[in-house]
Amino acid sequence: MPLIKPVSDLRNYPDVLKGVKVGQPVYLTKNGKGRYVLLDIDDYSVVESATRLGVELMRGRISGESEGWISSQAMREHFKERVNA
């Protein structure tokens, strides 16, 4: 179950930080609406990496659709050349 607290609870930030555990963020509300999320740094790294991967995959898809796709054999040869170089 998500841990939801009003942003005003940050006055007692040690108590709020105790609620942040790996895999369990603390959601902060402002005027009754979700506004901020506190994450463990390891969880943030996972989110950041997944976001970067998603962006790169989207760039590859756009490139393939606009410039054309290459065959799997051509891809293998490309990387074989890079490894041997």
PDB file of N, CA and C in Angstrom:
ATOM      1  N   MET A   1       0.848  -1.173   0.000  1.00  0.00           N
ATOM      2  CA  MET A   1       0.000   0.000   0.000  1.00  0.00           C
ATOM      3  C   MET A   1       0.899   1.243   0.000  1.00  0.00           C
ATOM      4  N   PRO A   2       0.619   2.204  -0.863  1.00  0.00           N
ATOM      5  CA  PRO A   2       1.485   3.385  -0.946  1.00  0.00           C
ATOM      6  C   PRO A   2       1.422   4.231   0.320  1.00  0.00           C
ATOM      7  N   LEU A   3       2.558   4.829   0.628  1.00  0.00           N
ATOM      8  CA  LEU A   3       2.649   5.723   1.775  1.00  0.00           C
ATOM      9  C   LEU A   3       2.441   7.143   1.269  1.00  0.00           C
ATOM     10  N   ILE A   4       1.345   7.769   1.693  1.00  0.00           N
ATOM     11  CA  ILE A   4       0.981   9.103   1.232  1.00  0.00           C
ATOM     12  C   ILE A   4       0.950  10.035   2.440  1.00  0.00           C
ATOM     13  N   LYS A   5       1.648  11.157   2.310  1.00  0.00           N
ATOM     14  CA  LYS A   5       1.720  12.125   3.408  1.00  0.00           C
ATOM     15  C   LYS A   5       1.578  13.534   2.844  1.00  0.00           C
ATOM     16  N   PRO A   6       1.054  14.441   3.645  1.00  0.00           N
ATOM     17  CA  PRO A   6       1.025  15.836   3.198  1.00  0.00           C
ATOM     18  C   PRO A   6       2.438  16.424   3.231  1.00  0.00           C
ATOM     19  N   VAL A   7       2.716  17.335   2.321  1.00  0.00           N
ATOM     20  CA  VAL A   7       4.039  17.948   2.241  1.00  0.00           C
ATOM     21  C   VAL A   7       4.395  18.664   3.549  1.00  0.00           C
ATOM     22  N   SER A   8       3.411  19.082   4.295  1.00  0.00           N
ATOM     23  CA  SER A   8       3.671  19.754   5.575  1.00  0.00           C
ATOM     24  C   SER A   8       4.368  18.816   6.564  1.00  0.00           C
ATOM     25  N   ASP A   9       4.265  17.509   6.369  1.00  0.00           N
ATOM     26  CA  ASP A   9       4.960  16.560   7.251  1.00  0.00           C
ATOM     27  C   ASP A   9       6.472  16.648   7.111  1.00  0.00           C
ATOM     28  N   LEU A  10       6.945  17.346   6.077  1.00  0.00           N
ATOM     29  CA  LEU A  10       8.398  17.491   5.920  1.00  0.00           C
ATOM     30  C   LEU A  10       9.025  18.303   7.043  1.00  0.00           C
ATOM     31  N   ARG A  11       8.205  18.987   7.813  1.00  0.00           N
ATOM     32  CA  ARG A  11       8.752  19.682   8.995  1.00  0.00           C
ATOM     33  C   ARG A  11       9.435  18.674   9.910  1.00  0.00           C
ATOM     34  N   ASN A  12       8.915  17.473   9.931  1.00  0.00           N
ATOM     35  CA  ASN A  12       9.511  16.371  10.689  1.00  0.00           C
ATOM     36  C   ASN A  12      10.117  15.377   9.696  1.00  0.00           C
ATOM     37  N   TYR A  13      11.048  15.888   8.873  1.00  0.00           N
ATOM     38  CA  TYR A  13      11.577  15.088   7.773  1.00  0.00           C
ATOM     39  C   TYR A  13      12.200  13.763   8.194  1.00  0.00           C
ATOM     40  N   PRO A  14      12.795  13.625   9.391  1.00  0.00           N
ATOM     41  CA  PRO A  14      13.325  12.291   9.733  1.00  0.00           C
ATOM     42  C   PRO A  14      12.233  11.220   9.724  1.00  0.00           C
ATOM     43  N   ASP A  15      11.036  11.585  10.182  1.00  0.00           N
ATOM     44  CA  ASP A  15       9.939  10.617  10.187  1.00  0.00           C
ATOM     45  C   ASP A  15       9.511  10.269   8.761  1.00  0.00           C
ATOM     46  N   VAL A  16       9.500  11.270   7.884  1.00  0.00           N
ATOM     47  CA  VAL A  16       9.116  11.033   6.493  1.00  0.00           C
ATOM     48  C   VAL A  16      10.169  10.155   5.813  1.00  0.00           C
ATOM     49  N   LEU A  17      11.438  10.451   6.060  1.00  0.00           N
ATOM     50  CA  LEU A  17      12.515   9.674   5.421  1.00  0.00           C
ATOM     51  C   LEU A  17      12.528   8.231   5.892  1.00  0.00           C
ATOM     52  N   LYS A  18      12.095   7.988   7.125  1.00  0.00           N
ATOM     53  CA  LYS A  18      12.021   6.600   7.611  1.00  0.00           C
ATOM     54  C   LYS A  18      11.037   5.788   6.772  1.00  0.00           C
ATOM     55  N   GLY A  19      10.043   6.463   6.213  1.00  0.00           N
ATOM     56  CA  GLY A  19       9.053   5.768   5.393  1.00  0.00           C
ATOM     57  C   GLY A  19       9.568   5.371   4.033  1.00  0.00           C
ATOM     58  N   VAL A  20      10.653   6.013   3.577  1.00  0.00           N
ATOM     59  CA  VAL A  20      11.213   5.691   2.259  1.00  0.00           C
ATOM     60  C   VAL A  20      12.059   4.437   2.390  1.00  0.00           C
ATOM     61  N   LYS A  21      11.599   3.381   1.745  1.00  0.00           N
ATOM     62  CA  LYS A  21      12.328   2.119   1.750  1.00  0.00           C
ATOM     63  C   LYS A  21      12.547   1.705   0.311  1.00  0.00           C
ATOM     64  N   VAL A  22      13.503   0.823   0.097  1.00  0.00           N
ATOM     65  CA  VAL A  22      13.754   0.327  -1.252  1.00  0.00           C
ATOM     66  C   VAL A  22      12.461  -0.310  -1.758  1.00  0.00           C
ATOM     67  N   GLY A  23      12.025   0.152  -2.913  1.00  0.00           N
ATOM     68  CA  GLY A  23      10.810  -0.382  -3.501  1.00  0.00           C
ATOM     69  C   GLY A  23       9.523   0.254  -3.002  1.00  0.00           C
ATOM     70  N   GLN A  24       9.628   1.182  -2.052  1.00  0.00           N
ATOM     71  CA  GLN A  24       8.421   1.824  -1.531  1.00  0.00           C
ATOM     72  C   GLN A  24       8.632   3.334  -1.420  1.00  0.00           C
ATOM     73  N   PRO A  25       8.208   4.085  -2.426  1.00  0.00           N
ATOM     74  CA  PRO A  25       8.355   5.535  -2.358  1.00  0.00           C
ATOM     75  C   PRO A  25       7.338   6.150  -1.405  1.00  0.00           C
ATOM     76  N   VAL A  26       7.599   7.380  -1.003  1.00  0.00           N
ATOM     77  CA  VAL A  26       6.647   8.165  -0.218  1.00  0.00           C
ATOM     78  C   VAL A  26       6.090   9.233  -1.139  1.00  0.00           C
ATOM     79  N   TYR A  27       4.770   9.272  -1.255  1.00  0.00           N
ATOM     80  CA  TYR A  27       4.092  10.267  -2.081  1.00  0.00           C
ATOM     81  C   TYR A  27       3.695  11.434  -1.194  1.00  0.00           C
ATOM     82  N   LEU A  28       4.027  12.646  -1.638  1.00  0.00           N
ATOM     83  CA  LEU A  28       3.685  13.851  -0.886  1.00  0.00           C
ATOM     84  C   LEU A  28       2.591  14.618  -1.612  1.00  0.00           C
ATOM     85  N   THR A  29       1.636  15.074  -0.845  1.00  0.00           N
ATOM     86  CA  THR A  29       0.535  15.828  -1.416  1.00  0.00           C
ATOM     87  C   THR A  29       0.622  17.290  -1.009  1.00  0.00           C
ATOM     88  N   LYS A  30       0.090  18.141  -1.861  1.00  0.00           N
ATOM     89  CA  LYS A  30      -0.001  19.567  -1.567  1.00  0.00           C
ATOM     90  C   LYS A  30      -1.428  19.982  -1.901  1.00  0.00           C
ATOM     91  N   ASN A  31      -2.101  20.551  -0.931  1.00  0.00           N
ATOM     92  CA  ASN A  31      -3.515  20.920  -1.080  1.00  0.00           C
ATOM     93  C   ASN A  31      -4.361  19.728  -1.508  1.00  0.00           C
ATOM     94  N   GLY A  32      -4.032  18.557  -0.967  1.00  0.00           N
ATOM     95  CA  GLY A  32      -4.823  17.362  -1.219  1.00  0.00           C
ATOM     96  C   GLY A  32      -4.554  16.663  -2.539  1.00  0.00           C
ATOM     97  N   LYS A  33      -3.622  17.160  -3.329  1.00  0.00           N
ATOM     98  CA  LYS A  33      -3.316  16.556  -4.621  1.00  0.00           C
ATOM     99  C   LYS A  33      -1.874  16.069  -4.643  1.00  0.00           C
ATOM    100  N   GLY A  34      -1.636  14.945  -5.334  1.00  0.00           N
ATOM    101  CA  GLY A  34      -0.279  14.414  -5.451  1.00  0.00           C
ATOM    102  C   GLY A  34       0.644  15.441  -6.089  1.00  0.00           C
ATOM    103  N   ARG A  35       1.820  15.627  -5.479  1.00  0.00           N
ATOM    104  CA  ARG A  35       2.727  16.662  -5.974  1.00  0.00           C
ATOM    105  C   ARG A  35       4.172  16.177  -6.102  1.00  0.00           C
ATOM    106  N   TYR A  36       4.665  15.412  -5.141  1.00  0.00           N
ATOM    107  CA  TYR A  36       6.072  14.998  -5.119  1.00  0.00           C
ATOM    108  C   TYR A  36       6.171  13.519  -4.746  1.00  0.00           C
ATOM    109  N   VAL A  37       7.342  12.936  -5.064  1.00  0.00           N
ATOM    110  CA  VAL A  37       7.638  11.556  -4.684  1.00  0.00           C
ATOM    111  C   VAL A  37       9.046  11.513  -4.126  1.00  0.00           C
ATOM    112  N   LEU A  38       9.202  10.871  -2.990  1.00  0.00           N
ATOM    113  CA  LEU A  38      10.529  10.630  -2.423  1.00  0.00           C
ATOM    114  C   LEU A  38      10.892   9.178  -2.698  1.00  0.00           C
ATOM    115  N   LEU A  39      12.051   8.982  -3.321  1.00  0.00           N
ATOM    116  CA  LEU A  39      12.510   7.641  -3.681  1.00  0.00           C
ATOM    117  C   LEU A  39      13.867   7.351  -3.064  1.00  0.00           C
ATOM    118  N   ASP A  40      14.098   6.088  -2.775  1.00  0.00           N
ATOM    119  CA  ASP A  40      15.430   5.632  -2.422  1.00  0.00           C
ATOM    120  C   ASP A  40      16.323   5.844  -3.648  1.00  0.00           C
ATOM    121  N   ILE A  41      17.577   6.202  -3.455  1.00  0.00           N
ATOM    122  CA  ILE A  41      18.472   6.525  -4.569  1.00  0.00           C
ATOM    123  C   ILE A  41      18.639   5.336  -5.519  1.00  0.00           C
ATOM    124  N   ASP A  42      18.624   4.115  -5.001  1.00  0.00           N
ATOM    125  CA  ASP A  42      18.736   2.936  -5.870  1.00  0.00           C
ATOM    126  C   ASP A  42      17.508   2.806  -6.770  1.00  0.00           C
ATOM    127  N   ASP A  43      16.333   3.075  -6.223  1.00  0.00           N
ATOM    128  CA  ASP A  43      15.111   3.035  -7.030  1.00  0.00           C
ATOM    129  C   ASP A  43      15.137   4.130  -8.083  1.00  0.00           C
ATOM    130  N   TYR A  44      15.641   5.308  -7.720  1.00  0.00           N
ATOM    131  CA  TYR A  44      15.728   6.402  -8.683  1.00  0.00           C
ATOM    132  C   TYR A  44      16.659   6.032  -9.840  1.00  0.00           C
ATOM    133  N   SER A  45      17.762   5.372  -9.531  1.00  0.00           N
ATOM    134  CA  SER A  45      18.700   4.948 -10.577  1.00  0.00           C
ATOM    135  C   SER A  45      18.034   3.993 -11.555  1.00  0.00           C
ATOM    136  N   VAL A  46      17.202   3.090 -11.049  1.00  0.00           N
ATOM    137  CA  VAL A  46      16.485   2.153 -11.919  1.00  0.00           C
ATOM    138  C   VAL A  46      15.515   2.910 -12.817  1.00  0.00           C
ATOM    139  N   VAL A  47      14.776   3.855 -12.239  1.00  0.00           N
ATOM    140  CA  VAL A  47      13.818   4.644 -13.021  1.00  0.00           C
ATOM    141  C   VAL A  47      14.546   5.457 -14.085  1.00  0.00           C
ATOM    142  N   GLU A  48      15.651   6.080 -13.709  1.00  0.00           N
ATOM    143  CA  GLU A  48      16.418   6.895 -14.647  1.00  0.00           C
ATOM    144  C   GLU A  48      16.972   6.039 -15.793  1.00  0.00           C
ATOM    145  N   SER A  49      17.493   4.862 -15.469  1.00  0.00           N
ATOM    146  CA  SER A  49      18.035   3.968 -16.501  1.00  0.00           C
ATOM    147  C   SER A  49      16.938   3.493 -17.451  1.00  0.00           C
ATOM    148  N   ALA A  50      15.789   3.145 -16.899  1.00  0.00           N
ATOM    149  CA  ALA A  50      14.675   2.693 -17.738  1.00  0.00           C
ATOM    150  C   ALA A  50      14.202   3.814 -18.655  1.00  0.00           C
ATOM    151  N   THR A  51      14.203   5.032 -18.153  1.00  0.00           N
ATOM    152  CA  THR A  51      13.792   6.175 -18.971  1.00  0.00           C
ATOM    153  C   THR A  51      14.774   6.391 -20.114  1.00  0.00           C
ATOM    154  N   ARG A  52      16.070   6.342 -19.809  1.00  0.00           N
ATOM    155  CA  ARG A  52      17.081   6.507 -20.856  1.00  0.00           C
ATOM    156  C   ARG A  52      16.983   5.412 -21.908  1.00  0.00           C
ATOM    157  N   LEU A  53      16.768   4.175 -21.465  1.00  0.00           N
ATOM    158  CA  LEU A  53      16.621   3.068 -22.399  1.00  0.00           C
ATOM    159  C   LEU A  53      15.404   3.287 -23.300  1.00  0.00           C
ATOM    160  N   GLY A  54      14.298   3.712 -22.714  1.00  0.00           N
ATOM    161  CA  GLY A  54      13.088   3.979 -23.490  1.00  0.00           C
ATOM    162  C   GLY A  54      13.309   5.055 -24.535  1.00  0.00           C
ATOM    163  N   VAL A  55      14.026   6.112 -24.159  1.00  0.00           N
ATOM    164  CA  VAL A  55      14.320   7.196 -25.102  1.00  0.00           C
ATOM    165  C   VAL A  55      15.180   6.683 -26.253  1.00  0.00           C
ATOM    166  N   GLU A  56      16.204   5.906 -25.941  1.00  0.00           N
ATOM    167  CA  GLU A  56      17.080   5.379 -26.993  1.00  0.00           C
ATOM    168  C   GLU A  56      16.333   4.413 -27.913  1.00  0.00           C
ATOM    169  N   LEU A  57      15.469   3.586 -27.347  1.00  0.00           N
ATOM    170  CA  LEU A  57      14.680   2.683 -28.181  1.00  0.00           C
ATOM    171  C   LEU A  57      13.744   3.459 -29.107  1.00  0.00           C
ATOM    172  N   MET A  58      13.147   4.523 -28.590  1.00  0.00           N
ATOM    173  CA  MET A  58      12.267   5.349 -29.412  1.00  0.00           C
ATOM    174  C   MET A  58      13.059   6.039 -30.525  1.00  0.00           C
ATOM    175  N   ARG A  59      14.244   6.527 -30.202  1.00  0.00           N
ATOM    176  CA  ARG A  59      15.088   7.147 -31.234  1.00  0.00           C
ATOM    177  C   ARG A  59      15.431   6.136 -32.324  1.00  0.00           C
ATOM    178  N   GLY A  60      15.742   4.899 -31.932  1.00  0.00           N
ATOM    179  CA  GLY A  60      16.040   3.854 -32.907  1.00  0.00           C
ATOM    180  C   GLY A  60      14.840   3.535 -33.779  1.00  0.00           C
ATOM    181  N   ARG A  61      13.676   3.480 -33.158  1.00  0.00           N
ATOM    182  CA  ARG A  61      12.459   3.207 -33.927  1.00  0.00           C
ATOM    183  C   ARG A  61      12.180   4.311 -34.934  1.00  0.00           C
ATOM    184  N   ILE A  62      12.285   5.548 -34.491  1.00  0.00           N
ATOM    185  CA  ILE A  62      12.057   6.691 -35.388  1.00  0.00           C
ATOM    186  C   ILE A  62      13.069   6.674 -36.525  1.00  0.00           C
ATOM    187  N   SER A  63      14.320   6.388 -36.198  1.00  0.00           N
ATOM    188  CA  SER A  63      15.363   6.315 -37.226  1.00  0.00           C
ATOM    189  C   SER A  63      15.060   5.208 -38.230  1.00  0.00           C
ATOM    190  N   GLY A  64      14.658   4.049 -37.739  1.00  0.00           N
ATOM    191  CA  GLY A  64      14.337   2.938 -38.629  1.00  0.00           C
ATOM    192  C   GLY A  64      13.162   3.248 -39.538  1.00  0.00           C
ATOM    193  N   GLU A  65      12.161   3.933 -38.980  1.00  0.00           N
ATOM    194  CA  GLU A  65      10.986   4.256 -39.780  1.00  0.00           C
ATOM    195  C   GLU A  65      11.272   5.344 -40.819  1.00  0.00           C
ATOM    196  N   SER A  66      12.148   6.270 -40.477  1.00  0.00           N
ATOM    197  CA  SER A  66      12.415   7.369 -41.406  1.00  0.00           C
ATOM    198  C   SER A  66      13.542   7.057 -42.390  1.00  0.00           C
ATOM    199  N   GLU A  67      14.569   6.325 -41.953  1.00  0.00           N
ATOM    200  CA  GLU A  67      15.727   6.050 -42.803  1.00  0.00           C
ATOM    201  C   GLU A  67      15.758   4.622 -43.326  1.00  0.00           C
ATOM    202  N   GLY A  68      14.855   3.796 -42.859  1.00  0.00           N
ATOM    203  CA  GLY A  68      14.808   2.403 -43.296  1.00  0.00           C
ATOM    204  C   GLY A  68      15.529   1.485 -42.323  1.00  0.00           C
ATOM    205  N   TRP A  69      15.071   0.256 -42.299  1.00  0.00           N
ATOM    206  CA  TRP A  69      15.623  -0.750 -41.400  1.00  0.00           C
ATOM    207  C   TRP A  69      16.759  -1.492 -42.101  1.00  0.00           C
ATOM    208  N   ILE A  70      17.648  -2.079 -41.314  1.00  0.00           N
ATOM    209  CA  ILE A  70      18.705  -2.911 -41.889  1.00  0.00           C
ATOM    210  C   ILE A  70      18.453  -4.355 -41.462  1.00  0.00           C
ATOM    211  N   SER A  71      19.020  -5.273 -42.208  1.00  0.00           N
ATOM    212  CA  SER A  71      18.805  -6.697 -41.916  1.00  0.00           C
ATOM    213  C   SER A  71      19.608  -7.114 -40.683  1.00  0.00           C
ATOM    214  N   SER A  72      19.182  -8.209 -40.090  1.00  0.00           N
ATOM    215  CA  SER A  72      19.913  -8.725 -38.926  1.00  0.00           C
ATOM    216  C   SER A  72      21.329  -9.142 -39.312  1.00  0.00           C
ATOM    217  N   GLN A  73      21.501  -9.646 -40.526  1.00  0.00           N
ATOM    218  CA  GLN A  73      22.832 -10.032 -40.989  1.00  0.00           C
ATOM    219  C   GLN A  73      23.733  -8.804 -41.103  1.00  0.00           C
ATOM    220  N   ALA A  74      23.215  -7.709 -41.641  1.00  0.00           N
ATOM    221  CA  ALA A  74      24.002  -6.478 -41.748  1.00  0.00           C
ATOM    222  C   ALA A  74      24.370  -5.956 -40.360  1.00  0.00           C
ATOM    223  N   MET A  75      23.468  -6.110 -39.399  1.00  0.00           N
ATOM    224  CA  MET A  75      23.741  -5.678 -38.024  1.00  0.00           C
ATOM    225  C   MET A  75      24.847  -6.520 -37.418  1.00  0.00           C
ATOM    226  N   ARG A  76      24.807  -7.836 -37.634  1.00  0.00           N
ATOM    227  CA  ARG A  76      25.855  -8.716 -37.106  1.00  0.00           C
ATOM    228  C   ARG A  76      27.219  -8.337 -37.679  1.00  0.00           C
ATOM    229  N   GLU A  77      27.268  -8.103 -38.990  1.00  0.00           N
ATOM    230  CA  GLU A  77      28.524  -7.732 -39.638  1.00  0.00           C
ATOM    231  C   GLU A  77      29.048  -6.401 -39.108  1.00  0.00           C
ATOM    232  N   HIS A  78      28.149  -5.463 -38.891  1.00  0.00           N
ATOM    233  CA  HIS A  78      28.538  -4.148 -38.359  1.00  0.00           C
ATOM    234  C   HIS A  78      29.228  -4.299 -37.004  1.00  0.00           C
ATOM    235  N   PHE A  79      28.611  -5.072 -36.106  1.00  0.00           N
ATOM    236  CA  PHE A  79      29.192  -5.216 -34.784  1.00  0.00           C
ATOM    237  C   PHE A  79      30.429  -6.093 -34.788  1.00  0.00           C
ATOM    238  N   LYS A  80      30.495  -7.054 -35.693  1.00  0.00           N
ATOM    239  CA  LYS A  80      31.675  -7.899 -35.815  1.00  0.00           C
ATOM    240  C   LYS A  80      32.876  -7.029 -36.204  1.00  0.00           C
ATOM    241  N   GLU A  81      32.661  -6.106 -37.147  1.00  0.00           N
ATOM    242  CA  GLU A  81      33.718  -5.194 -37.576  1.00  0.00           C
ATOM    243  C   GLU A  81      34.155  -4.296 -36.419  1.00  0.00           C
ATOM    244  N   ARG A  82      33.207  -3.816 -35.632  1.00  0.00           N
ATOM    245  CA  ARG A  82      33.548  -2.930 -34.502  1.00  0.00           C
ATOM    246  C   ARG A  82      34.346  -3.658 -33.430  1.00  0.00           C
ATOM    247  N   VAL A  83      34.006  -4.917 -33.187  1.00  0.00           N
ATOM    248  CA  VAL A  83      34.701  -5.702 -32.164  1.00  0.00           C
ATOM    249  C   VAL A  83      36.117  -6.003 -32.611  1.00  0.00           C
ATOM    250  N   ASN A  84      36.294  -6.295 -33.878  1.00  0.00           N
ATOM    251  CA  ASN A  84      37.621  -6.645 -34.416  1.00  0.00           C
ATOM    252  C   ASN A  84      38.492  -5.442 -34.689  1.00  0.00           C
ATOM    253  N   ALA A  85      37.934  -4.248 -34.684  1.00  0.00           N
ATOM    254  CA  ALA A  85      38.706  -3.032 -35.000  1.00  0.00           C
ATOM    255  C   ALA A  85      39.564  -2.588 -33.847  1.00  0.00           C
TER     256      ALA A  85
END
